[in-house]
Amino acid sequence: MRFNPALPALAAGAFGIGVTEFAPMGMLPSIAADLGFSIPVAGLLVGAAMAGAALAMLFAFRDRSSRSSERGSKRYRP
């Protein structure tokens, strides 16, 4: 089996995404107390932040794919 050099980068990225997604869940009581909200409302705030990040990624990749298709055309000039 060959070693794929992209595998450690993918593993590090997956670990980073997992930490940023699940770390706030353990801190929900502290977040709720600091903001003066109940724990369920603080959970919704964390979920809204994650949904915003997911939407931002969708738009970022959509923009990138449209630019890559323009590169192949003869009209594209950087």
PDB file of N, CA and C in Angstrom:
ATOM      1  N   MET A   1       0.848  -1.179   0.000  1.00  0.00           N
ATOM      2  CA  MET A   1       0.000   0.000   0.000  1.00  0.00           C
ATOM      3  C   MET A   1       0.892   1.240   0.000  1.00  0.00           C
ATOM      4  N   ARG A   2       0.629   2.148  -0.934  1.00  0.00           N
ATOM      5  CA  ARG A   2       1.415   3.382  -1.042  1.00  0.00           C
ATOM      6  C   ARG A   2       0.924   4.426  -0.050  1.00  0.00           C
ATOM      7  N   PHE A   3       1.853   5.262   0.388  1.00  0.00           N
ATOM      8  CA  PHE A   3       1.525   6.380   1.267  1.00  0.00           C
ATOM      9  C   PHE A   3       1.082   7.559   0.417  1.00  0.00           C
ATOM     10  N   ASN A   4      -0.074   8.071   0.728  1.00  0.00           N
ATOM     11  CA  ASN A   4      -0.597   9.237   0.027  1.00  0.00           C
ATOM     12  C   ASN A   4      -0.256  10.482   0.843  1.00  0.00           C
ATOM     13  N   PRO A   5       0.532  11.423   0.315  1.00  0.00           N
ATOM     14  CA  PRO A   5       0.926  12.590   1.106  1.00  0.00           C
ATOM     15  C   PRO A   5      -0.247  13.513   1.467  1.00  0.00           C
ATOM     16  N   ALA A   6      -1.357  13.409   0.784  1.00  0.00           N
ATOM     17  CA  ALA A   6      -2.504  14.258   1.118  1.00  0.00           C
ATOM     18  C   ALA A   6      -3.261  13.741   2.334  1.00  0.00           C
ATOM     19  N   LEU A   7      -3.032  12.488   2.708  1.00  0.00           N
ATOM     20  CA  LEU A   7      -3.778  11.903   3.818  1.00  0.00           C
ATOM     21  C   LEU A   7      -3.548  12.618   5.144  1.00  0.00           C
ATOM     22  N   PRO A   8      -2.313  12.976   5.535  1.00  0.00           N
ATOM     23  CA  PRO A   8      -2.164  13.726   6.791  1.00  0.00           C
ATOM     24  C   PRO A   8      -2.866  15.090   6.765  1.00  0.00           C
ATOM     25  N   ALA A   9      -2.887  15.750   5.614  1.00  0.00           N
ATOM     26  CA  ALA A   9      -3.590  17.028   5.517  1.00  0.00           C
ATOM     27  C   ALA A   9      -5.096  16.831   5.692  1.00  0.00           C
ATOM     28  N   LEU A  10      -5.639  15.787   5.085  1.00  0.00           N
ATOM     29  CA  LEU A  10      -7.063  15.502   5.251  1.00  0.00           C
ATOM     30  C   LEU A  10      -7.387  15.134   6.688  1.00  0.00           C
ATOM     31  N   ALA A  11      -6.507  14.356   7.326  1.00  0.00           N
ATOM     32  CA  ALA A  11      -6.725  13.968   8.722  1.00  0.00           C
ATOM     33  C   ALA A  11      -6.679  15.184   9.636  1.00  0.00           C
ATOM     34  N   ALA A  12      -5.721  16.085   9.405  1.00  0.00           N
ATOM     35  CA  ALA A  12      -5.631  17.299  10.219  1.00  0.00           C
ATOM     36  C   ALA A  12      -6.855  18.188  10.013  1.00  0.00           C
ATOM     37  N   GLY A  13      -7.315  18.288   8.776  1.00  0.00           N
ATOM     38  CA  GLY A  13      -8.514  19.077   8.508  1.00  0.00           C
ATOM     39  C   GLY A  13      -9.749  18.499   9.168  1.00  0.00           C
ATOM     40  N   ALA A  14      -9.906  17.183   9.106  1.00  0.00           N
ATOM     41  CA  ALA A  14     -11.045  16.530   9.753  1.00  0.00           C
ATOM     42  C   ALA A  14     -10.991  16.718  11.267  1.00  0.00           C
ATOM     43  N   PHE A  15      -9.795  16.622  11.837  1.00  0.00           N
ATOM     44  CA  PHE A  15      -9.651  16.839  13.275  1.00  0.00           C
ATOM     45  C   PHE A  15     -10.021  18.275  13.637  1.00  0.00           C
ATOM     46  N   GLY A  16      -9.543  19.237  12.854  1.00  0.00           N
ATOM     47  CA  GLY A  16      -9.855  20.636  13.128  1.00  0.00           C
ATOM     48  C   GLY A  16     -11.340  20.931  13.034  1.00  0.00           C
ATOM     49  N   ILE A  17     -12.001  20.374  12.028  1.00  0.00           N
ATOM     50  CA  ILE A  17     -13.445  20.580  11.886  1.00  0.00           C
ATOM     51  C   ILE A  17     -14.180  19.940  13.058  1.00  0.00           C
ATOM     52  N   GLY A  18     -13.757  18.748  13.448  1.00  0.00           N
ATOM     53  CA  GLY A  18     -14.392  18.077  14.583  1.00  0.00           C
ATOM     54  C   GLY A  18     -14.251  18.865  15.870  1.00  0.00           C
ATOM     55  N   VAL A  19     -13.069  19.422  16.105  1.00  0.00           N
ATOM     56  CA  VAL A  19     -12.852  20.205  17.324  1.00  0.00           C
ATOM     57  C   VAL A  19     -13.711  21.458  17.318  1.00  0.00           C
ATOM     58  N   THR A  20     -13.755  22.156  16.190  1.00  0.00           N
ATOM     59  CA  THR A  20     -14.538  23.390  16.155  1.00  0.00           C
ATOM     60  C   THR A  20     -16.036  23.129  16.219  1.00  0.00           C
ATOM     61  N   GLU A  21     -16.474  21.948  15.794  1.00  0.00           N
ATOM     62  CA  GLU A  21     -17.895  21.621  15.866  1.00  0.00           C
ATOM     63  C   GLU A  21     -18.300  21.162  17.266  1.00  0.00           C
ATOM     64  N   PHE A  22     -17.476  20.357  17.912  1.00  0.00           N
ATOM     65  CA  PHE A  22     -17.887  19.722  19.162  1.00  0.00           C
ATOM     66  C   PHE A  22     -17.379  20.402  20.423  1.00  0.00           C
ATOM     67  N   ALA A  23     -16.348  21.217  20.344  1.00  0.00           N
ATOM     68  CA  ALA A  23     -15.840  21.896  21.540  1.00  0.00           C
ATOM     69  C   ALA A  23     -16.875  22.842  22.158  1.00  0.00           C
ATOM     70  N   PRO A  24     -17.607  23.629  21.368  1.00  0.00           N
ATOM     71  CA  PRO A  24     -18.605  24.517  22.000  1.00  0.00           C
ATOM     72  C   PRO A  24     -19.714  23.759  22.733  1.00  0.00           C
ATOM     73  N   MET A  25     -19.980  22.522  22.340  1.00  0.00           N
ATOM     74  CA  MET A  25     -21.039  21.769  23.019  1.00  0.00           C
ATOM     75  C   MET A  25     -20.678  21.490  24.475  1.00  0.00           C
ATOM     76  N   GLY A  26     -19.400  21.270  24.746  1.00  0.00           N
ATOM     77  CA  GLY A  26     -18.979  21.055  26.125  1.00  0.00           C
ATOM     78  C   GLY A  26     -18.960  22.325  26.949  1.00  0.00           C
ATOM     79  N   MET A  27     -18.933  23.456  26.269  1.00  0.00           N
ATOM     80  CA  MET A  27     -18.885  24.746  26.964  1.00  0.00           C
ATOM     81  C   MET A  27     -20.231  25.447  26.998  1.00  0.00           C
ATOM     82  N   LEU A  28     -21.294  24.755  26.622  1.00  0.00           N
ATOM     83  CA  LEU A  28     -22.611  25.402  26.558  1.00  0.00           C
ATOM     84  C   LEU A  28     -23.052  26.014  27.879  1.00  0.00           C
ATOM     85  N   PRO A  29     -22.875  25.343  29.032  1.00  0.00           N
ATOM     86  CA  PRO A  29     -23.286  26.011  30.279  1.00  0.00           C
ATOM     87  C   PRO A  29     -22.536  27.317  30.527  1.00  0.00           C
ATOM     88  N   SER A  30     -21.254  27.355  30.218  1.00  0.00           N
ATOM     89  CA  SER A  30     -20.476  28.586  30.401  1.00  0.00           C
ATOM     90  C   SER A  30     -20.917  29.667  29.423  1.00  0.00           C
ATOM     91  N   ILE A  31     -21.141  29.275  28.174  1.00  0.00           N
ATOM     92  CA  ILE A  31     -21.593  30.234  27.160  1.00  0.00           C
ATOM     93  C   ILE A  31     -22.951  30.809  27.552  1.00  0.00           C
ATOM     94  N   ALA A  32     -23.854  29.930  28.005  1.00  0.00           N
ATOM     95  CA  ALA A  32     -25.191  30.378  28.398  1.00  0.00           C
ATOM     96  C   ALA A  32     -25.124  31.313  29.595  1.00  0.00           C
ATOM     97  N   ALA A  33     -24.274  30.998  30.558  1.00  0.00           N
ATOM     98  CA  ALA A  33     -24.163  31.857  31.744  1.00  0.00           C
ATOM     99  C   ALA A  33     -23.563  33.208  31.380  1.00  0.00           C
ATOM    100  N   ASP A  34     -22.546  33.217  30.514  1.00  0.00           N
ATOM    101  CA  ASP A  34     -21.917  34.486  30.133  1.00  0.00           C
ATOM    102  C   ASP A  34     -22.864  35.387  29.344  1.00  0.00           C
ATOM    103  N   LEU A  35     -23.669  34.793  28.485  1.00  0.00           N
ATOM    104  CA  LEU A  35     -24.570  35.583  27.657  1.00  0.00           C
ATOM    105  C   LEU A  35     -25.911  35.867  28.322  1.00  0.00           C
ATOM    106  N   GLY A  36     -26.198  35.169  29.420  1.00  0.00           N
ATOM    107  CA  GLY A  36     -27.466  35.362  30.105  1.00  0.00           C
ATOM    108  C   GLY A  36     -28.627  34.653  29.439  1.00  0.00           C
ATOM    109  N   PHE A  37     -28.337  33.604  28.655  1.00  0.00           N
ATOM    110  CA  PHE A  37     -29.378  32.818  27.992  1.00  0.00           C
ATOM    111  C   PHE A  37     -29.516  31.472  28.686  1.00  0.00           C
ATOM    112  N   SER A  38     -30.578  30.759  28.329  1.00  0.00           N
ATOM    113  CA  SER A  38     -30.696  29.379  28.796  1.00  0.00           C
ATOM    114  C   SER A  38     -29.788  28.495  27.946  1.00  0.00           C
ATOM    115  N   ILE A  39     -29.525  27.292  28.433  1.00  0.00           N
ATOM    116  CA  ILE A  39     -28.630  26.382  27.701  1.00  0.00           C
ATOM    117  C   ILE A  39     -29.204  26.011  26.331  1.00  0.00           C
ATOM    118  N   PRO A  40     -30.515  25.726  26.195  1.00  0.00           N
ATOM    119  CA  PRO A  40     -31.028  25.437  24.847  1.00  0.00           C
ATOM    120  C   PRO A  40     -30.870  26.603  23.870  1.00  0.00           C
ATOM    121  N   VAL A  41     -31.052  27.816  24.335  1.00  0.00           N
ATOM    122  CA  VAL A  41     -30.891  28.975  23.448  1.00  0.00           C
ATOM    123  C   VAL A  41     -29.429  29.128  23.053  1.00  0.00           C
ATOM    124  N   ALA A  42     -28.518  28.900  23.994  1.00  0.00           N
ATOM    125  CA  ALA A  42     -27.093  28.950  23.661  1.00  0.00           C
ATOM    126  C   ALA A  42     -26.744  27.869  22.650  1.00  0.00           C
ATOM    127  N   GLY A  43     -27.378  26.708  22.759  1.00  0.00           N
ATOM    128  CA  GLY A  43     -27.167  25.646  21.768  1.00  0.00           C
ATOM    129  C   GLY A  43     -27.640  26.054  20.390  1.00  0.00           C
ATOM    130  N   LEU A  44     -28.749  26.777  20.327  1.00  0.00           N
ATOM    131  CA  LEU A  44     -29.232  27.273  19.039  1.00  0.00           C
ATOM    132  C   LEU A  44     -28.275  28.304  18.457  1.00  0.00           C
ATOM    133  N   LEU A  45     -27.689  29.124  19.313  1.00  0.00           N
ATOM    134  CA  LEU A  45     -26.717  30.107  18.826  1.00  0.00           C
ATOM    135  C   LEU A  45     -25.499  29.419  18.219  1.00  0.00           C
ATOM    136  N   VAL A  46     -25.024  28.362  18.893  1.00  0.00           N
ATOM    137  CA  VAL A  46     -23.875  27.613  18.364  1.00  0.00           C
ATOM    138  C   VAL A  46     -24.261  26.946  17.048  1.00  0.00           C
ATOM    139  N   GLY A  47     -25.469  26.381  16.983  1.00  0.00           N
ATOM    140  CA  GLY A  47     -25.930  25.764  15.743  1.00  0.00           C
ATOM    141  C   GLY A  47     -26.075  26.767  14.620  1.00  0.00           C
ATOM    142  N   ALA A  48     -26.525  27.968  14.941  1.00  0.00           N
ATOM    143  CA  ALA A  48     -26.650  29.008  13.913  1.00  0.00           C
ATOM    144  C   ALA A  48     -25.277  29.408  13.391  1.00  0.00           C
ATOM    145  N   ALA A  49     -24.292  29.472  14.276  1.00  0.00           N
ATOM    146  CA  ALA A  49     -22.938  29.806  13.827  1.00  0.00           C
ATOM    147  C   ALA A  49     -22.395  28.716  12.903  1.00  0.00           C
ATOM    148  N   MET A  50     -22.659  27.463  13.215  1.00  0.00           N
ATOM    149  CA  MET A  50     -22.190  26.365  12.364  1.00  0.00           C
ATOM    150  C   MET A  50     -22.930  26.364  11.019  1.00  0.00           C
ATOM    151  N   ALA A  51     -24.211  26.678  11.038  1.00  0.00           N
ATOM    152  CA  ALA A  51     -24.960  26.754   9.774  1.00  0.00           C
ATOM    153  C   ALA A  51     -24.433  27.895   8.917  1.00  0.00           C
ATOM    154  N   GLY A  52     -24.085  29.006   9.543  1.00  0.00           N
ATOM    155  CA  GLY A  52     -23.498  30.117   8.798  1.00  0.00           C
ATOM    156  C   GLY A  52     -22.170  29.744   8.176  1.00  0.00           C
ATOM    157  N   ALA A  53     -21.366  28.974   8.897  1.00  0.00           N
ATOM    158  CA  ALA A  53     -20.087  28.527   8.346  1.00  0.00           C
ATOM    159  C   ALA A  53     -20.305  27.584   7.161  1.00  0.00           C
ATOM    160  N   ALA A  54     -21.309  26.716   7.265  1.00  0.00           N
ATOM    161  CA  ALA A  54     -21.602  25.796   6.164  1.00  0.00           C
ATOM    162  C   ALA A  54     -22.068  26.561   4.927  1.00  0.00           C
ATOM    163  N   LEU A  55     -22.911  27.560   5.115  1.00  0.00           N
ATOM    164  CA  LEU A  55     -23.364  28.365   3.973  1.00  0.00           C
ATOM    165  C   LEU A  55     -22.216  29.149   3.354  1.00  0.00           C
ATOM    166  N   ALA A  56     -21.329  29.658   4.182  1.00  0.00           N
ATOM    167  CA  ALA A  56     -20.183  30.390   3.657  1.00  0.00           C
ATOM    168  C   ALA A  56     -19.310  29.477   2.803  1.00  0.00           C
ATOM    169  N   MET A  57     -19.139  28.241   3.218  1.00  0.00           N
ATOM    170  CA  MET A  57     -18.335  27.292   2.429  1.00  0.00           C
ATOM    171  C   MET A  57     -19.007  26.986   1.099  1.00  0.00           C
ATOM    172  N   LEU A  58     -20.322  26.873   1.104  1.00  0.00           N
ATOM    173  CA  LEU A  58     -21.026  26.616  -0.159  1.00  0.00           C
ATOM    174  C   LEU A  58     -20.785  27.747  -1.154  1.00  0.00           C
ATOM    175  N   PHE A  59     -20.884  28.983  -0.675  1.00  0.00           N
ATOM    176  CA  PHE A  59     -20.666  30.119  -1.565  1.00  0.00           C
ATOM    177  C   PHE A  59     -19.206  30.230  -1.981  1.00  0.00           C
ATOM    178  N   ALA A  60     -18.296  29.897  -1.086  1.00  0.00           N
ATOM    179  CA  ALA A  60     -16.874  29.964  -1.431  1.00  0.00           C
ATOM    180  C   ALA A  60     -16.536  28.965  -2.529  1.00  0.00           C
ATOM    181  N   PHE A  61     -17.054  27.748  -2.421  1.00  0.00           N
ATOM    182  CA  PHE A  61     -16.758  26.749  -3.440  1.00  0.00           C
ATOM    183  C   PHE A  61     -17.502  27.028  -4.729  1.00  0.00           C
ATOM    184  N   ARG A  62     -18.685  27.615  -4.640  1.00  0.00           N
ATOM    185  CA  ARG A  62     -19.407  27.968  -5.862  1.00  0.00           C
ATOM    186  C   ARG A  62     -18.642  29.035  -6.640  1.00  0.00           C
ATOM    187  N   ASP A  63     -18.101  30.004  -5.935  1.00  0.00           N
ATOM    188  CA  ASP A  63     -17.321  31.055  -6.578  1.00  0.00           C
ATOM    189  C   ASP A  63     -16.059  30.481  -7.201  1.00  0.00           C
ATOM    190  N   ARG A  64     -15.411  29.578  -6.522  1.00  0.00           N
ATOM    191  CA  ARG A  64     -14.179  28.993  -7.037  1.00  0.00           C
ATOM    192  C   ARG A  64     -14.439  28.157  -8.290  1.00  0.00           C
ATOM    193  N   SER A  65     -15.530  27.399  -8.294  1.00  0.00           N
ATOM    194  CA  SER A  65     -15.798  26.567  -9.464  1.00  0.00           C
ATOM    195  C   SER A  65     -16.159  27.423 -10.677  1.00  0.00           C
ATOM    196  N   SER A  66     -16.806  28.554 -10.467  1.00  0.00           N
ATOM    197  CA  SER A  66     -17.145  29.404 -11.614  1.00  0.00           C
ATOM    198  C   SER A  66     -15.887  30.048 -12.193  1.00  0.00           C
ATOM    199  N   ARG A  67     -14.912  30.388 -11.348  1.00  0.00           N
ATOM    200  CA  ARG A  67     -13.671  30.965 -11.857  1.00  0.00           C
ATOM    201  C   ARG A  67     -12.827  29.936 -12.586  1.00  0.00           C
ATOM    202  N   SER A  68     -12.851  28.682 -12.115  1.00  0.00           N
ATOM    203  CA  SER A  68     -12.037  27.668 -12.783  1.00  0.00           C
ATOM    204  C   SER A  68     -12.583  27.358 -14.173  1.00  0.00           C
ATOM    205  N   SER A  69     -13.900  27.478 -14.368  1.00  0.00           N
ATOM    206  CA  SER A  69     -14.446  27.241 -15.702  1.00  0.00           C
ATOM    207  C   SER A  69     -14.097  28.394 -16.635  1.00  0.00           C
ATOM    208  N   GLU A  70     -13.937  29.602 -16.080  1.00  0.00           N
ATOM    209  CA  GLU A  70     -13.557  30.735 -16.916  1.00  0.00           C
ATOM    210  C   GLU A  70     -12.105  30.644 -17.365  1.00  0.00           C
ATOM    211  N   ARG A  71     -11.266  30.004 -16.559  1.00  0.00           N
ATOM    212  CA  ARG A  71      -9.865  29.887 -16.935  1.00  0.00           C
ATOM    213  C   ARG A  71      -9.681  29.090 -18.209  1.00  0.00           C
ATOM    214  N   GLY A  72     -10.561  28.143 -18.412  1.00  0.00           N
ATOM    215  CA  GLY A  72     -10.443  27.333 -19.609  1.00  0.00           C
ATOM    216  C   GLY A  72     -10.879  28.055 -20.863  1.00  0.00           C
ATOM    217  N   SER A  73     -11.648  29.115 -20.703  1.00  0.00           N
ATOM    218  CA  SER A  73     -12.111  29.835 -21.884  1.00  0.00           C
ATOM    219  C   SER A  73     -11.030  30.790 -22.376  1.00  0.00           C
ATOM    220  N   LYS A  74     -11.141  31.205 -23.613  1.00  0.00           N
ATOM    221  CA  LYS A  74     -10.138  32.077 -24.210  1.00  0.00           C
ATOM    222  C   LYS A  74     -10.343  33.531 -23.805  1.00  0.00           C
ATOM    223  N   ARG A  75     -11.536  33.864 -23.266  1.00  0.00           N
ATOM    224  CA  ARG A  75     -11.810  35.239 -22.919  1.00  0.00           C
ATOM    225  C   ARG A  75     -11.240  35.638 -21.566  1.00  0.00           C
ATOM    226  N   TYR A  76     -10.856  34.683 -20.745  1.00  0.00           N
ATOM    227  CA  TYR A  76     -10.388  34.987 -19.397  1.00  0.00           C
ATOM    228  C   TYR A  76      -8.983  35.586 -19.441  1.00  0.00           C
ATOM    229  N   ARG A  77      -8.847  36.769 -18.839  1.00  0.00           N
ATOM    230  CA  ARG A  77      -7.537  37.408 -18.721  1.00  0.00           C
ATOM    231  C   ARG A  77      -7.356  37.847 -17.281  1.00  0.00           C
ATOM    232  N   PRO A  78      -6.361  37.314 -16.562  1.00  0.00           N
ATOM    233  CA  PRO A  78      -6.172  37.682 -15.156  1.00  0.00           C
ATOM    234  C   PRO A  78      -5.722  39.108 -14.973  1.00  0.00           C
TER     235      PRO A  78
END
